[in-house]
Amino acid sequence: MAGYTITVAQQKGGSGKTTVAVNLAVHLRDAGHSVAVLDTDPQGSMGRWFMTRHEATGGDPGMEFSTASAWGVGYECDKLKRSNDFVIVDTPPKADSDLRPALREADLVIVPVSASQLDLWATEAVLELIDRARKPALTVLNRARAGTRLSGEIVAQMQDLAAPVAETVLGNRVIFAEALGQGFGVTERQRTSAAASEIAALAEEIVVMLRV
């Protein structure tokens, strides 16, 4: 049986797409799944993370990595799914033709939403593309500051979007950036931390949605 493709997409830059993608990949791998990551963003942030990981682990990153431009996404996803339980796809920060191939390949699209009104507005355009591709989506509040009025307001407004909202909220935690910069995920750097618990909870919601 071929694996599942999880595409992480958001129109607005700075939403934390790559951070969410690599942390999900690491957690799923640590949970015993075979995982591949696919970077379709010309900025190459996921690729930089993977190369850093390759060096930090002595050449044993524990997962496959590939890159693709828009036209090559389908081919790479098909290839990677044949040998992996999950393929995690990072995408360009824009809602146009470059994003559509990655949406078409998705079994589920994760849409990180930073706790700002601008990010919320940008999410609407991405969800329209996802709807046209007839793919399921899950929005996730990311980089939230606990207890702030803004985070609460954004969560409330997310309920009106054309996609379900994850119960899990990812906090604005320094360890996410630190671990990524070292080529790791938070579950590898601080296994018992709040950040690791958040990623584990989000992964569980995703697994349930995919009925793995």
C-alpha atoms as a PDB file:
ATOM      1  CA  MET A   1       0.000   0.000   0.000  1.00  0.00           C
ATOM      2  CA  ALA A   2       1.324   3.448  -0.925  1.00  0.00           C
ATOM      3  CA  GLY A   3       1.964   5.980   1.804  1.00  0.00           C
ATOM      4  CA  TYR A   4       0.140   9.183   2.613  1.00  0.00           C
ATOM      5  CA  THR A   5       1.090  12.639   1.361  1.00  0.00           C
ATOM      6  CA  ILE A   6       0.714  15.533   3.787  1.00  0.00           C
ATOM      7  CA  THR A   7       1.145  18.936   2.150  1.00  0.00           C
ATOM      8  CA  VAL A   8       1.871  21.977   4.334  1.00  0.00           C
ATOM      9  CA  ALA A   9       0.667  25.157   2.637  1.00  0.00           C
ATOM     10  CA  GLN A  10       0.080  28.831   3.403  1.00  0.00           C
ATOM     11  CA  GLN A  11       0.062  31.915   1.199  1.00  0.00           C
ATOM     12  CA  LYS A  12       1.730  34.236   3.680  1.00  0.00           C
ATOM     13  CA  GLY A  13       5.428  33.886   4.368  1.00  0.00           C
ATOM     14  CA  GLY A  14       6.500  33.517   7.977  1.00  0.00           C
ATOM     15  CA  SER A  15       3.602  31.275   8.919  1.00  0.00           C
ATOM     16  CA  GLY A  16       5.913  28.500  10.083  1.00  0.00           C
ATOM     17  CA  LYS A  17       5.284  26.040   7.237  1.00  0.00           C
ATOM     18  CA  THR A  18       8.741  24.518   7.271  1.00  0.00           C
ATOM     19  CA  THR A  19       8.842  24.312  11.057  1.00  0.00           C
ATOM     20  CA  VAL A  20       5.542  22.440  11.139  1.00  0.00           C
ATOM     21  CA  ALA A  21       6.553  20.170   8.248  1.00  0.00           C
ATOM     22  CA  VAL A  22       9.920  19.061   9.645  1.00  0.00           C
ATOM     23  CA  ASN A  23       8.619  18.579  13.171  1.00  0.00           C
ATOM     24  CA  LEU A  24       5.772  16.393  11.936  1.00  0.00           C
ATOM     25  CA  ALA A  25       8.260  14.394   9.868  1.00  0.00           C
ATOM     26  CA  VAL A  26      10.578  13.838  12.837  1.00  0.00           C
ATOM     27  CA  HIS A  27       7.763  12.871  15.182  1.00  0.00           C
ATOM     28  CA  LEU A  28       6.196  10.411  12.733  1.00  0.00           C
ATOM     29  CA  ARG A  29       9.620   8.876  12.113  1.00  0.00           C
ATOM     30  CA  ASP A  30      10.223   8.530  15.866  1.00  0.00           C
ATOM     31  CA  ALA A  31       6.782   6.912  16.163  1.00  0.00           C
ATOM     32  CA  GLY A  32       8.011   4.096  13.918  1.00  0.00           C
ATOM     33  CA  HIS A  33       6.851   5.265  10.494  1.00  0.00           C
ATOM     34  CA  SER A  34       9.036   5.568   7.412  1.00  0.00           C
ATOM     35  CA  VAL A  35       9.058   9.202   6.313  1.00  0.00           C
ATOM     36  CA  ALA A  36      10.226  11.259   3.331  1.00  0.00           C
ATOM     37  CA  VAL A  37      10.315  15.042   3.068  1.00  0.00           C
ATOM     38  CA  LEU A  38       9.848  16.883  -0.230  1.00  0.00           C
ATOM     39  CA  ASP A  39      10.836  20.534  -0.664  1.00  0.00           C
ATOM     40  CA  THR A  40       8.952  22.360  -3.442  1.00  0.00           C
ATOM     41  CA  ASP A  41       9.724  25.856  -2.123  1.00  0.00           C
ATOM     42  CA  PRO A  42      12.411  27.662  -4.205  1.00  0.00           C
ATOM     43  CA  GLN A  43      13.682  29.239  -0.973  1.00  0.00           C
ATOM     44  CA  GLY A  44      14.860  25.749  -0.002  1.00  0.00           C
ATOM     45  CA  SER A  45      14.410  26.058   3.762  1.00  0.00           C
ATOM     46  CA  MET A  46      13.521  22.397   4.194  1.00  0.00           C
ATOM     47  CA  GLY A  47      16.525  21.422   2.079  1.00  0.00           C
ATOM     48  CA  ARG A  48      18.836  23.506   4.281  1.00  0.00           C
ATOM     49  CA  TRP A  49      17.357  21.822   7.352  1.00  0.00           C
ATOM     50  CA  PHE A  50      17.879  18.374   5.854  1.00  0.00           C
ATOM     51  CA  MET A  51      21.488  19.048   4.866  1.00  0.00           C
ATOM     52  CA  THR A  52      22.177  20.328   8.385  1.00  0.00           C
ATOM     53  CA  ARG A  53      20.523  17.191   9.745  1.00  0.00           C
ATOM     54  CA  HIS A  54      22.578  14.981   7.455  1.00  0.00           C
ATOM     55  CA  GLU A  55      25.797  16.467   8.835  1.00  0.00           C
ATOM     56  CA  ALA A  56      24.596  16.486  12.461  1.00  0.00           C
ATOM     57  CA  THR A  57      23.638  12.804  12.346  1.00  0.00           C
ATOM     58  CA  GLY A  58      26.840  11.656  10.692  1.00  0.00           C
ATOM     59  CA  GLY A  59      25.102  10.921   7.396  1.00  0.00           C
ATOM     60  CA  ASP A  60      22.148   9.050   8.928  1.00  0.00           C
ATOM     61  CA  PRO A  61      19.195  11.482   8.851  1.00  0.00           C
ATOM     62  CA  GLY A  62      16.641   8.702   9.250  1.00  0.00           C
ATOM     63  CA  MET A  63      14.433   9.802   6.371  1.00  0.00           C
ATOM     64  CA  GLU A  64      14.489  10.388   2.627  1.00  0.00           C
ATOM     65  CA  PHE A  65      14.700  13.841   1.077  1.00  0.00           C
ATOM     66  CA  SER A  66      13.909  15.152  -2.377  1.00  0.00           C
ATOM     67  CA  THR A  67      13.177  18.421  -4.156  1.00  0.00           C
ATOM     68  CA  ALA A  68      10.838  19.223  -7.018  1.00  0.00           C
ATOM     69  CA  SER A  69       9.600  22.182  -9.000  1.00  0.00           C
ATOM     70  CA  ALA A  70       5.864  22.426  -9.573  1.00  0.00           C
ATOM     71  CA  TRP A  71       5.762  20.126 -12.590  1.00  0.00           C
ATOM     72  CA  GLY A  72       7.760  17.412 -10.851  1.00  0.00           C
ATOM     73  CA  VAL A  73       5.757  17.141  -7.626  1.00  0.00           C
ATOM     74  CA  GLY A  74       3.505  14.327  -8.835  1.00  0.00           C
ATOM     75  CA  TYR A  75       6.409  12.187  -9.973  1.00  0.00           C
ATOM     76  CA  GLU A  76       8.387  12.669  -6.755  1.00  0.00           C
ATOM     77  CA  CYS A  77       5.382  12.014  -4.526  1.00  0.00           C
ATOM     78  CA  ASP A  78       4.536   8.796  -6.370  1.00  0.00           C
ATOM     79  CA  LYS A  79       8.143   7.626  -6.096  1.00  0.00           C
ATOM     80  CA  LEU A  80       8.507   8.463  -2.409  1.00  0.00           C
ATOM     81  CA  LYS A  81       5.128   7.010  -1.414  1.00  0.00           C
ATOM     82  CA  ARG A  82       6.119   3.608  -2.763  1.00  0.00           C
ATOM     83  CA  SER A  83       8.767   3.254  -0.045  1.00  0.00           C
ATOM     84  CA  ASN A  84       7.489   5.463   2.785  1.00  0.00           C
ATOM     85  CA  ASP A  85       4.472   5.608   5.078  1.00  0.00           C
ATOM     86  CA  PHE A  86       4.375   9.408   4.902  1.00  0.00           C
ATOM     87  CA  VAL A  87       5.604  12.066   2.483  1.00  0.00           C
ATOM     88  CA  ILE A  88       5.662  15.567   3.994  1.00  0.00           C
ATOM     89  CA  VAL A  89       5.641  18.333   1.360  1.00  0.00           C
ATOM     90  CA  ASP A  90       6.780  21.901   2.048  1.00  0.00           C
ATOM     91  CA  THR A  91       5.420  24.444  -0.449  1.00  0.00           C
ATOM     92  CA  PRO A  92       6.084  27.995  -1.721  1.00  0.00           C
ATOM     93  CA  PRO A  93       4.511  30.831   0.314  1.00  0.00           C
ATOM     94  CA  LYS A  94       1.999  31.796  -2.359  1.00  0.00           C
ATOM     95  CA  ALA A  95      -1.369  30.686  -3.657  1.00  0.00           C
ATOM     96  CA  ASP A  96      -0.951  30.202  -7.394  1.00  0.00           C
ATOM     97  CA  SER A  97      -0.065  27.629 -10.048  1.00  0.00           C
ATOM     98  CA  ASP A  98       3.163  26.642  -8.237  1.00  0.00           C
ATOM     99  CA  LEU A  99       1.132  25.389  -5.297  1.00  0.00           C
ATOM    100  CA  ARG A 100      -1.593  23.477  -7.129  1.00  0.00           C
ATOM    101  CA  PRO A 101       0.439  20.332  -7.990  1.00  0.00           C
ATOM    102  CA  ALA A 102       1.329  19.829  -4.329  1.00  0.00           C
ATOM    103  CA  LEU A 103      -2.329  20.204  -3.395  1.00  0.00           C
ATOM    104  CA  ARG A 104      -3.398  17.654  -5.989  1.00  0.00           C
ATOM    105  CA  GLU A 105      -1.037  15.071  -4.489  1.00  0.00           C
ATOM    106  CA  ALA A 106      -2.173  15.637  -0.913  1.00  0.00           C
ATOM    107  CA  ASP A 107      -4.181  13.220   1.175  1.00  0.00           C
ATOM    108  CA  LEU A 108      -4.400  16.048   3.709  1.00  0.00           C
ATOM    109  CA  VAL A 109      -3.336  19.705   3.610  1.00  0.00           C
ATOM    110  CA  ILE A 110      -2.096  21.307   6.819  1.00  0.00           C
ATOM    111  CA  VAL A 111      -2.489  25.103   6.884  1.00  0.00           C
ATOM    112  CA  PRO A 112      -0.515  26.856   9.642  1.00  0.00           C
ATOM    113  CA  VAL A 113      -2.033  30.159  10.722  1.00  0.00           C
ATOM    114  CA  SER A 114       0.116  32.520  12.768  1.00  0.00           C
ATOM    115  CA  ALA A 115      -1.718  34.521  15.389  1.00  0.00           C
ATOM    116  CA  SER A 116      -2.339  37.646  13.312  1.00  0.00           C
ATOM    117  CA  GLN A 117      -5.185  39.073  11.296  1.00  0.00           C
ATOM    118  CA  LEU A 118      -2.998  39.227   8.170  1.00  0.00           C
ATOM    119  CA  ASP A 119      -2.336  35.493   8.350  1.00  0.00           C
ATOM    120  CA  LEU A 120      -6.016  34.792   8.845  1.00  0.00           C
ATOM    121  CA  TRP A 121      -6.897  36.788   5.726  1.00  0.00           C
ATOM    122  CA  ALA A 122      -4.191  35.031   3.700  1.00  0.00           C
ATOM    123  CA  THR A 123      -5.575  31.653   4.741  1.00  0.00           C
ATOM    124  CA  GLU A 124      -8.831  32.252   2.875  1.00  0.00           C
ATOM    125  CA  ALA A 125      -7.069  32.254  -0.520  1.00  0.00           C
ATOM    126  CA  VAL A 126      -5.224  29.011   0.245  1.00  0.00           C
ATOM    127  CA  LEU A 127      -8.415  27.305   1.389  1.00  0.00           C
ATOM    128  CA  GLU A 128     -10.106  28.315  -1.870  1.00  0.00           C
ATOM    129  CA  LEU A 129      -7.363  26.525  -3.836  1.00  0.00           C
ATOM    130  CA  ILE A 130      -7.607  23.493  -1.580  1.00  0.00           C
ATOM    131  CA  ASP A 131     -11.355  23.395  -2.072  1.00  0.00           C
ATOM    132  CA  ARG A 132     -10.949  23.528  -5.853  1.00  0.00           C
ATOM    133  CA  ALA A 133      -8.528  20.603  -5.613  1.00  0.00           C
ATOM    134  CA  ARG A 134     -11.184  18.786  -3.539  1.00  0.00           C
ATOM    135  CA  LYS A 135      -8.747  17.913  -0.794  1.00  0.00           C
ATOM    136  CA  PRO A 136      -9.331  17.829   2.980  1.00  0.00           C
ATOM    137  CA  ALA A 137      -7.584  20.503   5.030  1.00  0.00           C
ATOM    138  CA  LEU A 138      -6.789  21.188   8.662  1.00  0.00           C
ATOM    139  CA  THR A 139      -5.942  24.681   9.900  1.00  0.00           C
ATOM    140  CA  VAL A 140      -3.532  24.970  12.836  1.00  0.00           C
ATOM    141  CA  LEU A 141      -2.940  28.020  14.994  1.00  0.00           C
ATOM    142  CA  ASN A 142       0.840  28.433  15.097  1.00  0.00           C
ATOM    143  CA  ARG A 143       3.219  30.665  17.057  1.00  0.00           C
ATOM    144  CA  ALA A 144       0.464  31.455  19.535  1.00  0.00           C
ATOM    145  CA  ARG A 145       1.183  33.295  22.754  1.00  0.00           C
ATOM    146  CA  ALA A 146      -0.669  31.571  25.566  1.00  0.00           C
ATOM    147  CA  GLY A 147      -3.302  33.587  27.339  1.00  0.00           C
ATOM    148  CA  THR A 148      -3.297  36.556  24.958  1.00  0.00           C
ATOM    149  CA  ARG A 149      -6.503  38.109  23.719  1.00  0.00           C
ATOM    150  CA  LEU A 150      -5.248  38.077  20.107  1.00  0.00           C
ATOM    151  CA  SER A 151      -4.678  34.313  20.041  1.00  0.00           C
ATOM    152  CA  GLY A 152      -8.148  33.753  21.448  1.00  0.00           C
ATOM    153  CA  GLU A 153      -9.692  36.064  18.854  1.00  0.00           C
ATOM    154  CA  ILE A 154      -7.850  34.372  15.976  1.00  0.00           C
ATOM    155  CA  VAL A 155      -8.955  30.910  17.125  1.00  0.00           C
ATOM    156  CA  ALA A 156     -12.550  32.118  17.313  1.00  0.00           C
ATOM    157  CA  GLN A 157     -12.379  33.604  13.801  1.00  0.00           C
ATOM    158  CA  MET A 158     -10.735  30.453  12.430  1.00  0.00           C
ATOM    159  CA  GLN A 159     -13.968  28.620  13.204  1.00  0.00           C
ATOM    160  CA  ASP A 160     -15.568  30.568  10.330  1.00  0.00           C
ATOM    161  CA  LEU A 161     -13.008  29.364   7.775  1.00  0.00           C
ATOM    162  CA  ALA A 162     -13.888  26.679   5.217  1.00  0.00           C
ATOM    163  CA  ALA A 163     -11.842  23.986   6.969  1.00  0.00           C
ATOM    164  CA  PRO A 164     -11.743  22.370  10.398  1.00  0.00           C
ATOM    165  CA  VAL A 165      -9.475  23.812  13.071  1.00  0.00           C
ATOM    166  CA  ALA A 166      -7.032  21.572  14.917  1.00  0.00           C
ATOM    167  CA  GLU A 167      -7.621  21.226  18.627  1.00  0.00           C
ATOM    168  CA  THR A 168      -3.850  21.452  19.063  1.00  0.00           C
ATOM    169  CA  VAL A 169      -2.329  24.936  19.237  1.00  0.00           C
ATOM    170  CA  LEU A 170       1.403  25.330  18.598  1.00  0.00           C
ATOM    171  CA  GLY A 171       2.994  27.852  20.905  1.00  0.00           C
ATOM    172  CA  ASN A 172       5.504  30.581  20.100  1.00  0.00           C
ATOM    173  CA  ARG A 173       8.465  28.703  21.573  1.00  0.00           C
ATOM    174  CA  VAL A 174      12.186  29.339  21.010  1.00  0.00           C
ATOM    175  CA  ILE A 175      12.954  25.607  20.922  1.00  0.00           C
ATOM    176  CA  PHE A 176      11.178  25.268  17.557  1.00  0.00           C
ATOM    177  CA  ALA A 177      13.666  27.617  15.902  1.00  0.00           C
ATOM    178  CA  GLU A 178      16.662  26.258  17.831  1.00  0.00           C
ATOM    179  CA  ALA A 179      15.980  22.635  16.940  1.00  0.00           C
ATOM    180  CA  LEU A 180      15.317  23.444  13.284  1.00  0.00           C
ATOM    181  CA  GLY A 181      18.578  25.372  13.007  1.00  0.00           C
ATOM    182  CA  GLN A 182      20.452  22.319  14.324  1.00  0.00           C
ATOM    183  CA  GLY A 183      18.768  19.933  11.881  1.00  0.00           C
ATOM    184  CA  PHE A 184      16.459  18.330  14.420  1.00  0.00           C
ATOM    185  CA  GLY A 185      12.860  18.364  15.602  1.00  0.00           C
ATOM    186  CA  VAL A 186      11.682  19.422  19.046  1.00  0.00           C
ATOM    187  CA  THR A 187      10.844  15.831  19.983  1.00  0.00           C
ATOM    188  CA  GLU A 188      14.532  14.995  19.524  1.00  0.00           C
ATOM    189  CA  ARG A 189      15.859  17.994  21.422  1.00  0.00           C
ATOM    190  CA  GLN A 190      13.359  18.300  24.302  1.00  0.00           C
ATOM    191  CA  ARG A 191      11.270  15.138  24.327  1.00  0.00           C
ATOM    192  CA  THR A 192       9.296  16.037  27.455  1.00  0.00           C
ATOM    193  CA  SER A 193       8.786  19.721  26.594  1.00  0.00           C
ATOM    194  CA  ALA A 194       5.499  21.488  25.898  1.00  0.00           C
ATOM    195  CA  ALA A 195       6.609  21.955  22.275  1.00  0.00           C
ATOM    196  CA  ALA A 196       7.158  18.208  21.834  1.00  0.00           C
ATOM    197  CA  SER A 197       3.764  17.489  23.387  1.00  0.00           C
ATOM    198  CA  GLU A 198       2.108  19.922  20.965  1.00  0.00           C
ATOM    199  CA  ILE A 199       3.701  18.288  17.924  1.00  0.00           C
ATOM    200  CA  ALA A 200       2.728  14.823  19.188  1.00  0.00           C
ATOM    201  CA  ALA A 201      -0.861  15.953  19.711  1.00  0.00           C
ATOM    202  CA  LEU A 202      -1.061  17.502  16.241  1.00  0.00           C
ATOM    203  CA  ALA A 203       0.384  14.352  14.668  1.00  0.00           C
ATOM    204  CA  GLU A 204      -2.248  12.282  16.456  1.00  0.00           C
ATOM    205  CA  GLU A 205      -5.032  14.485  15.072  1.00  0.00           C
ATOM    206  CA  ILE A 206      -3.582  14.045  11.582  1.00  0.00           C
ATOM    207  CA  VAL A 207      -3.309  10.268  11.930  1.00  0.00           C
ATOM    208  CA  VAL A 208      -6.948  10.106  13.048  1.00  0.00           C
ATOM    209  CA  MET A 209      -8.055  12.231  10.074  1.00  0.00           C
ATOM    210  CA  LEU A 210      -6.157   9.968   7.677  1.00  0.00           C
ATOM    211  CA  ARG A 211      -7.478   6.867   9.469  1.00  0.00           C
ATOM    212  CA  VAL A 212      -3.991   5.366   9.442  1.00  0.00           C
END
